[in-house]
N, C-alpha and C. Protein backbone atom coordinates (compact mmCIF):
# COMPACT_ATOMS: atom_id res chain seq x y z
N MET A 1 -6.73 -35.62 24.49
CA MET A 1 -7.11 -34.94 23.27
C MET A 1 -7.69 -33.56 23.58
N LYS A 2 -8.57 -33.48 24.61
CA LYS A 2 -9.17 -32.21 24.97
C LYS A 2 -8.10 -31.20 25.37
N ARG A 3 -7.13 -31.67 26.16
CA ARG A 3 -6.07 -30.77 26.62
C ARG A 3 -5.22 -30.28 25.45
N THR A 4 -4.92 -31.15 24.50
CA THR A 4 -4.14 -30.78 23.32
C THR A 4 -4.87 -29.74 22.49
N LEU A 5 -6.16 -29.92 22.30
CA LEU A 5 -6.95 -28.99 21.52
C LEU A 5 -7.01 -27.63 22.21
N SER A 6 -7.25 -27.60 23.52
CA SER A 6 -7.32 -26.33 24.22
C SER A 6 -5.96 -25.63 24.23
N THR A 7 -4.88 -26.40 24.32
CA THR A 7 -3.54 -25.81 24.26
C THR A 7 -3.31 -25.21 22.88
N PHE A 8 -3.73 -25.91 21.83
CA PHE A 8 -3.58 -25.40 20.47
C PHE A 8 -4.38 -24.11 20.28
N VAL A 9 -5.62 -24.09 20.75
CA VAL A 9 -6.47 -22.91 20.61
C VAL A 9 -5.85 -21.72 21.35
N PHE A 10 -5.37 -21.95 22.55
CA PHE A 10 -4.73 -20.88 23.32
C PHE A 10 -3.49 -20.37 22.60
N ALA A 11 -2.66 -21.27 22.10
CA ALA A 11 -1.44 -20.88 21.38
C ALA A 11 -1.79 -20.09 20.12
N ALA A 12 -2.81 -20.51 19.41
CA ALA A 12 -3.23 -19.80 18.20
C ALA A 12 -3.71 -18.39 18.54
N PHE A 13 -4.46 -18.26 19.63
CA PHE A 13 -4.93 -16.95 20.06
C PHE A 13 -3.75 -16.03 20.37
N ILE A 14 -2.78 -16.54 21.10
CA ILE A 14 -1.60 -15.74 21.45
C ILE A 14 -0.85 -15.32 20.19
N LEU A 15 -0.66 -16.23 19.26
CA LEU A 15 0.05 -15.91 18.03
C LEU A 15 -0.70 -14.87 17.20
N LEU A 16 -2.00 -15.01 17.08
CA LEU A 16 -2.79 -14.03 16.33
C LEU A 16 -2.73 -12.66 16.99
N HIS A 17 -2.83 -12.62 18.30
CA HIS A 17 -2.78 -11.35 19.01
C HIS A 17 -1.41 -10.70 18.85
N ALA A 18 -0.36 -11.49 18.97
CA ALA A 18 1.00 -10.97 18.83
C ALA A 18 1.21 -10.42 17.42
N HIS A 19 0.72 -11.12 16.40
CA HIS A 19 0.86 -10.65 15.03
C HIS A 19 0.12 -9.33 14.83
N ALA A 20 -1.07 -9.22 15.36
CA ALA A 20 -1.85 -8.00 15.20
C ALA A 20 -1.14 -6.81 15.83
N GLN A 21 -0.55 -7.01 16.99
CA GLN A 21 0.15 -5.92 17.66
C GLN A 21 1.45 -5.56 16.95
N LYS A 22 2.05 -6.51 16.23
CA LYS A 22 3.29 -6.24 15.52
C LYS A 22 3.03 -5.41 14.27
N SER A 23 1.83 -5.45 13.78
CA SER A 23 1.46 -4.71 12.58
C SER A 23 1.65 -3.21 12.80
N PRO A 24 2.11 -2.49 11.76
CA PRO A 24 2.22 -1.04 11.88
C PRO A 24 0.87 -0.33 11.88
N VAL A 25 -0.21 -1.09 11.62
CA VAL A 25 -1.57 -0.53 11.65
C VAL A 25 -2.38 -1.31 12.68
N TYR A 26 -3.07 -0.58 13.56
CA TYR A 26 -3.94 -1.23 14.53
C TYR A 26 -5.15 -1.79 13.79
N VAL A 27 -5.30 -3.11 13.86
CA VAL A 27 -6.38 -3.80 13.18
C VAL A 27 -7.22 -4.54 14.22
N ASP A 28 -8.53 -4.35 14.16
CA ASP A 28 -9.44 -5.03 15.06
C ASP A 28 -10.42 -5.83 14.21
N LYS A 29 -10.46 -7.14 14.42
CA LYS A 29 -11.34 -8.03 13.66
C LYS A 29 -11.12 -7.89 12.16
N GLY A 30 -9.87 -7.74 11.76
CA GLY A 30 -9.51 -7.65 10.36
C GLY A 30 -9.74 -6.30 9.71
N LYS A 31 -10.09 -5.29 10.50
CA LYS A 31 -10.44 -3.98 9.94
C LYS A 31 -9.57 -2.87 10.55
N ALA A 32 -9.04 -2.02 9.70
CA ALA A 32 -8.35 -0.82 10.17
C ALA A 32 -9.41 0.11 10.77
N ILE A 33 -9.06 0.80 11.80
CA ILE A 33 -9.93 1.71 12.57
C ILE A 33 -11.35 1.16 12.73
N HIS A 34 -11.42 -0.10 13.11
CA HIS A 34 -12.68 -0.77 13.46
C HIS A 34 -13.70 -0.77 12.32
N GLY A 35 -13.22 -0.57 11.08
CA GLY A 35 -14.13 -0.56 9.94
C GLY A 35 -14.75 0.79 9.63
N TYR A 36 -14.31 1.82 10.33
CA TYR A 36 -14.84 3.17 10.06
C TYR A 36 -14.10 3.80 8.88
N ASP A 37 -14.75 4.72 8.24
CA ASP A 37 -14.25 5.42 7.06
C ASP A 37 -13.28 6.51 7.50
N ALA A 38 -12.00 6.37 7.16
CA ALA A 38 -10.98 7.34 7.56
C ALA A 38 -11.24 8.72 6.97
N VAL A 39 -11.75 8.79 5.77
CA VAL A 39 -12.00 10.06 5.10
C VAL A 39 -13.13 10.83 5.79
N ALA A 40 -14.12 10.12 6.30
CA ALA A 40 -15.28 10.77 6.93
C ALA A 40 -14.91 11.62 8.13
N PHE A 41 -13.84 11.27 8.84
CA PHE A 41 -13.43 12.10 9.98
C PHE A 41 -13.10 13.51 9.51
N PHE A 42 -12.64 13.64 8.28
CA PHE A 42 -12.28 14.94 7.72
C PHE A 42 -13.47 15.61 7.02
N THR A 43 -14.24 14.85 6.27
CA THR A 43 -15.32 15.43 5.47
C THR A 43 -16.63 15.58 6.23
N ASP A 44 -16.92 14.65 7.14
CA ASP A 44 -18.18 14.67 7.88
C ASP A 44 -18.00 15.09 9.33
N SER A 45 -16.74 15.19 9.77
CA SER A 45 -16.41 15.56 11.16
C SER A 45 -17.05 14.62 12.18
N LYS A 46 -17.13 13.34 11.81
CA LYS A 46 -17.66 12.34 12.74
C LYS A 46 -17.30 10.94 12.23
N PRO A 47 -17.35 9.96 13.12
CA PRO A 47 -17.13 8.58 12.67
C PRO A 47 -18.30 8.09 11.83
N VAL A 48 -17.99 7.50 10.68
CA VAL A 48 -19.00 6.93 9.79
C VAL A 48 -18.53 5.51 9.44
N MET A 49 -19.38 4.53 9.67
CA MET A 49 -19.03 3.15 9.41
C MET A 49 -18.87 2.93 7.90
N GLY A 50 -17.80 2.23 7.54
CA GLY A 50 -17.57 1.88 6.15
C GLY A 50 -18.44 0.70 5.74
N LYS A 51 -18.48 0.42 4.44
CA LYS A 51 -19.28 -0.66 3.89
C LYS A 51 -18.38 -1.82 3.46
N GLU A 52 -18.92 -3.02 3.60
CA GLU A 52 -18.17 -4.24 3.26
C GLU A 52 -17.73 -4.28 1.80
N ASN A 53 -18.48 -3.64 0.91
CA ASN A 53 -18.15 -3.70 -0.51
C ASN A 53 -17.29 -2.52 -0.98
N LEU A 54 -16.87 -1.66 -0.06
CA LEU A 54 -16.03 -0.51 -0.41
C LEU A 54 -14.76 -0.55 0.45
N THR A 55 -13.79 -1.32 0.01
CA THR A 55 -12.56 -1.49 0.78
C THR A 55 -11.33 -1.36 -0.11
N CYS A 56 -10.21 -1.15 0.55
CA CYS A 56 -8.92 -1.23 -0.15
C CYS A 56 -7.86 -1.67 0.86
N GLN A 57 -6.78 -2.16 0.33
CA GLN A 57 -5.64 -2.57 1.14
C GLN A 57 -4.63 -1.43 1.17
N TYR A 58 -4.14 -1.13 2.36
CA TYR A 58 -3.10 -0.12 2.50
C TYR A 58 -2.29 -0.44 3.75
N ASN A 59 -1.01 -0.46 3.60
CA ASN A 59 -0.09 -0.67 4.72
C ASN A 59 -0.40 -1.96 5.48
N GLY A 60 -0.79 -2.99 4.74
CA GLY A 60 -1.04 -4.30 5.33
C GLY A 60 -2.37 -4.43 6.04
N ALA A 61 -3.29 -3.50 5.82
CA ALA A 61 -4.59 -3.54 6.50
C ALA A 61 -5.72 -3.31 5.50
N THR A 62 -6.92 -3.73 5.87
CA THR A 62 -8.11 -3.48 5.07
C THR A 62 -8.83 -2.25 5.62
N TRP A 63 -9.06 -1.30 4.74
CA TRP A 63 -9.72 -0.03 5.09
C TRP A 63 -11.10 -0.02 4.46
N TYR A 64 -12.09 0.47 5.19
CA TYR A 64 -13.49 0.48 4.76
C TYR A 64 -13.95 1.93 4.54
N PHE A 65 -14.89 2.09 3.60
CA PHE A 65 -15.35 3.43 3.25
C PHE A 65 -16.86 3.47 3.10
N ALA A 66 -17.43 4.63 3.39
CA ALA A 66 -18.88 4.80 3.34
C ALA A 66 -19.39 5.00 1.93
N ASP A 67 -18.55 5.55 1.04
CA ASP A 67 -18.98 5.74 -0.35
C ASP A 67 -17.78 5.69 -1.29
N GLN A 68 -18.06 5.61 -2.57
CA GLN A 68 -17.02 5.46 -3.58
C GLN A 68 -16.08 6.67 -3.61
N GLN A 69 -16.62 7.85 -3.41
CA GLN A 69 -15.80 9.06 -3.44
C GLN A 69 -14.75 9.02 -2.32
N HIS A 70 -15.15 8.57 -1.14
CA HIS A 70 -14.19 8.48 -0.03
C HIS A 70 -13.12 7.44 -0.33
N LEU A 71 -13.53 6.33 -0.90
CA LEU A 71 -12.57 5.29 -1.28
C LEU A 71 -11.55 5.85 -2.27
N GLU A 72 -12.01 6.55 -3.28
CA GLU A 72 -11.11 7.12 -4.29
C GLU A 72 -10.19 8.19 -3.69
N SER A 73 -10.72 9.00 -2.79
CA SER A 73 -9.91 10.02 -2.12
C SER A 73 -8.79 9.38 -1.31
N PHE A 74 -9.13 8.31 -0.60
CA PHE A 74 -8.13 7.61 0.20
C PHE A 74 -7.06 6.98 -0.69
N LYS A 75 -7.50 6.31 -1.74
CA LYS A 75 -6.54 5.68 -2.66
C LYS A 75 -5.58 6.70 -3.27
N ALA A 76 -6.09 7.89 -3.57
CA ALA A 76 -5.28 8.93 -4.19
C ALA A 76 -4.25 9.51 -3.22
N ASN A 77 -4.57 9.50 -1.92
CA ASN A 77 -3.66 10.11 -0.95
C ASN A 77 -3.86 9.49 0.44
N PRO A 78 -3.48 8.22 0.61
CA PRO A 78 -3.74 7.56 1.90
C PRO A 78 -3.02 8.23 3.08
N GLU A 79 -1.86 8.81 2.86
CA GLU A 79 -1.13 9.46 3.96
C GLU A 79 -1.91 10.64 4.53
N LYS A 80 -2.74 11.26 3.71
CA LYS A 80 -3.55 12.40 4.16
C LYS A 80 -4.64 11.96 5.13
N TYR A 81 -5.20 10.76 4.90
CA TYR A 81 -6.38 10.34 5.66
C TYR A 81 -6.11 9.27 6.73
N ALA A 82 -5.12 8.45 6.52
CA ALA A 82 -4.83 7.38 7.50
C ALA A 82 -4.43 7.99 8.83
N PRO A 83 -4.87 7.41 9.93
CA PRO A 83 -4.52 7.97 11.24
C PRO A 83 -3.02 7.85 11.50
N GLN A 84 -2.55 8.77 12.29
CA GLN A 84 -1.15 8.76 12.69
C GLN A 84 -0.87 7.55 13.56
N TYR A 85 0.36 7.10 13.53
CA TYR A 85 0.82 5.95 14.33
C TYR A 85 -0.01 4.69 14.05
N GLY A 86 -0.46 4.58 12.79
CA GLY A 86 -1.18 3.39 12.38
C GLY A 86 -2.52 3.21 13.07
N GLY A 87 -3.04 4.25 13.71
CA GLY A 87 -4.31 4.13 14.42
C GLY A 87 -4.16 3.65 15.85
N TYR A 88 -2.91 3.39 16.28
CA TYR A 88 -2.68 3.07 17.69
C TYR A 88 -2.84 4.34 18.51
N CYS A 89 -2.97 4.20 19.80
CA CYS A 89 -3.18 5.33 20.70
C CYS A 89 -2.03 6.34 20.60
N ALA A 90 -2.38 7.57 20.29
CA ALA A 90 -1.37 8.62 20.15
C ALA A 90 -0.67 8.89 21.48
N TYR A 91 -1.43 8.91 22.56
CA TYR A 91 -0.81 9.12 23.88
C TYR A 91 0.12 7.95 24.22
N GLY A 92 -0.33 6.72 24.00
CA GLY A 92 0.51 5.55 24.26
C GLY A 92 1.78 5.58 23.44
N THR A 93 1.66 5.98 22.18
CA THR A 93 2.84 6.09 21.33
C THR A 93 3.81 7.10 21.91
N SER A 94 3.31 8.20 22.43
CA SER A 94 4.19 9.21 23.04
C SER A 94 4.91 8.66 24.26
N GLN A 95 4.34 7.63 24.87
CA GLN A 95 4.95 7.00 26.04
C GLN A 95 5.82 5.80 25.66
N GLY A 96 5.93 5.52 24.35
CA GLY A 96 6.83 4.48 23.87
C GLY A 96 6.23 3.10 23.71
N HIS A 97 4.91 2.99 23.61
CA HIS A 97 4.29 1.68 23.41
C HIS A 97 3.04 1.79 22.55
N LYS A 98 2.64 0.66 22.00
CA LYS A 98 1.41 0.58 21.22
C LYS A 98 0.24 0.23 22.13
N ALA A 99 -0.90 0.83 21.85
CA ALA A 99 -2.12 0.51 22.60
C ALA A 99 -3.30 0.59 21.64
N PRO A 100 -4.30 -0.27 21.83
CA PRO A 100 -5.50 -0.22 20.98
C PRO A 100 -6.25 1.09 21.20
N THR A 101 -7.23 1.33 20.37
CA THR A 101 -7.97 2.58 20.44
C THR A 101 -9.47 2.38 20.31
N GLU A 102 -10.20 3.41 20.69
CA GLU A 102 -11.65 3.47 20.51
C GLU A 102 -11.93 4.58 19.51
N VAL A 103 -12.86 4.36 18.61
CA VAL A 103 -13.15 5.32 17.55
C VAL A 103 -13.64 6.65 18.11
N GLU A 104 -14.40 6.62 19.20
CA GLU A 104 -14.97 7.84 19.77
C GLU A 104 -13.92 8.81 20.29
N THR A 105 -12.67 8.38 20.37
CA THR A 105 -11.61 9.24 20.93
C THR A 105 -10.86 10.00 19.85
N TRP A 106 -11.38 10.06 18.66
CA TRP A 106 -10.68 10.68 17.53
C TRP A 106 -10.50 12.18 17.70
N THR A 107 -9.44 12.69 17.08
CA THR A 107 -9.14 14.11 17.05
C THR A 107 -8.40 14.39 15.75
N VAL A 108 -8.69 15.52 15.12
CA VAL A 108 -7.89 15.98 13.99
C VAL A 108 -7.12 17.20 14.48
N VAL A 109 -5.80 17.12 14.37
CA VAL A 109 -4.91 18.21 14.77
C VAL A 109 -4.02 18.55 13.59
N ASP A 110 -4.05 19.80 13.16
CA ASP A 110 -3.24 20.24 12.02
C ASP A 110 -3.40 19.33 10.81
N GLY A 111 -4.64 18.92 10.53
CA GLY A 111 -4.94 18.13 9.35
C GLY A 111 -4.55 16.66 9.44
N LYS A 112 -4.26 16.18 10.65
CA LYS A 112 -3.90 14.77 10.84
C LYS A 112 -4.84 14.14 11.86
N LEU A 113 -5.17 12.86 11.61
CA LEU A 113 -6.11 12.11 12.43
C LEU A 113 -5.38 11.33 13.52
N TYR A 114 -5.87 11.44 14.75
CA TYR A 114 -5.31 10.73 15.90
C TYR A 114 -6.42 10.03 16.66
N PHE A 115 -6.06 8.90 17.31
CA PHE A 115 -6.97 8.18 18.18
C PHE A 115 -6.31 7.96 19.53
N ASN A 116 -7.14 7.72 20.54
CA ASN A 116 -6.64 7.40 21.87
C ASN A 116 -7.27 6.12 22.38
N TYR A 117 -6.67 5.60 23.43
CA TYR A 117 -7.08 4.33 24.03
C TYR A 117 -8.53 4.37 24.51
N ASN A 118 -8.88 5.42 25.25
CA ASN A 118 -10.25 5.59 25.75
C ASN A 118 -10.47 7.06 26.10
N ALA A 119 -11.63 7.39 26.62
CA ALA A 119 -11.98 8.79 26.92
C ALA A 119 -11.08 9.39 28.00
N LYS A 120 -10.72 8.60 29.02
CA LYS A 120 -9.84 9.11 30.08
C LYS A 120 -8.47 9.48 29.53
N VAL A 121 -7.94 8.62 28.66
CA VAL A 121 -6.63 8.91 28.06
C VAL A 121 -6.74 10.14 27.16
N LYS A 122 -7.85 10.27 26.44
CA LYS A 122 -8.03 11.45 25.59
C LYS A 122 -8.04 12.73 26.43
N GLU A 123 -8.59 12.67 27.64
CA GLU A 123 -8.57 13.83 28.53
C GLU A 123 -7.13 14.28 28.80
N MET A 124 -6.24 13.32 29.03
CA MET A 124 -4.82 13.64 29.25
C MET A 124 -4.21 14.18 27.96
N TRP A 125 -4.53 13.53 26.85
CA TRP A 125 -3.99 13.88 25.55
C TRP A 125 -4.30 15.33 25.17
N VAL A 126 -5.53 15.78 25.37
CA VAL A 126 -5.91 17.12 24.92
C VAL A 126 -5.24 18.22 25.74
N LYS A 127 -4.72 17.90 26.90
CA LYS A 127 -4.05 18.90 27.73
C LYS A 127 -2.73 19.38 27.13
N ASP A 128 -2.10 18.53 26.31
CA ASP A 128 -0.83 18.91 25.68
C ASP A 128 -0.65 18.15 24.37
N GLN A 129 -1.61 18.29 23.47
CA GLN A 129 -1.57 17.53 22.22
C GLN A 129 -0.27 17.75 21.45
N LEU A 130 0.13 18.98 21.28
CA LEU A 130 1.33 19.24 20.48
C LEU A 130 2.58 18.65 21.12
N GLY A 131 2.66 18.69 22.43
CA GLY A 131 3.79 18.08 23.13
C GLY A 131 3.79 16.57 22.99
N PHE A 132 2.60 15.95 23.13
CA PHE A 132 2.49 14.50 22.97
C PHE A 132 2.75 14.07 21.53
N ILE A 133 2.30 14.88 20.57
CA ILE A 133 2.56 14.57 19.16
C ILE A 133 4.06 14.58 18.90
N LYS A 134 4.75 15.56 19.41
CA LYS A 134 6.20 15.64 19.23
C LYS A 134 6.88 14.38 19.79
N LYS A 135 6.50 13.99 21.00
CA LYS A 135 7.07 12.79 21.62
C LYS A 135 6.71 11.54 20.83
N ALA A 136 5.45 11.44 20.40
CA ALA A 136 5.00 10.27 19.63
C ALA A 136 5.72 10.18 18.29
N ASP A 137 5.92 11.33 17.64
CA ASP A 137 6.66 11.33 16.36
C ASP A 137 8.08 10.79 16.56
N GLU A 138 8.68 11.08 17.68
CA GLU A 138 10.03 10.58 17.99
C GLU A 138 10.00 9.08 18.30
N GLN A 139 8.98 8.62 19.00
CA GLN A 139 8.88 7.22 19.42
C GLN A 139 8.44 6.26 18.31
N TRP A 140 7.56 6.72 17.42
CA TRP A 140 6.93 5.84 16.44
C TRP A 140 7.93 5.04 15.60
N PRO A 141 8.99 5.64 15.05
CA PRO A 141 9.91 4.83 14.24
C PRO A 141 10.53 3.65 15.02
N MET A 142 10.69 3.79 16.31
CA MET A 142 11.29 2.72 17.12
C MET A 142 10.30 1.63 17.51
N ILE A 143 9.02 1.96 17.59
CA ILE A 143 8.03 0.96 18.06
C ILE A 143 7.10 0.48 16.95
N LYS A 144 7.14 1.10 15.80
CA LYS A 144 6.22 0.81 14.69
C LYS A 144 6.10 -0.68 14.38
N ASP A 145 7.20 -1.39 14.29
CA ASP A 145 7.17 -2.79 13.90
C ASP A 145 7.37 -3.75 15.07
N LYS A 146 7.31 -3.23 16.28
CA LYS A 146 7.45 -4.08 17.47
C LYS A 146 6.08 -4.48 18.00
N GLN A 147 6.12 -5.49 18.87
CA GLN A 147 4.88 -5.93 19.52
C GLN A 147 4.49 -4.98 20.61
């Protein structure tokens, strides 16, 4: 019985992880961009944690906001505020794969929000952002719905 239960738990973990990676939006613990307010990166120029009572669904993910105005702005134009490549690592996308991200690695380039895997990857990313964006834009349609 113990072995069956542990096998089931392991299988469930694998299935949940695979589903999350297949999503066109990087979701961590049920939250897009780790629960941070996507609009705040543009208006406050920093990561601001969203509130549990200010959310909306977009592109199969739950998005959190710090205030009602940010929520309404996002609802009115989600493409303007949602991170590129569904919040997956922009550098990783340019290399043809999805990778999780850390909020502290955010960048706004030409009015669009990007994230990277970690600080080291962001160091590589900033050396040729426009080149990596071009490559990622080409790769994203092919990897968007893949694991």
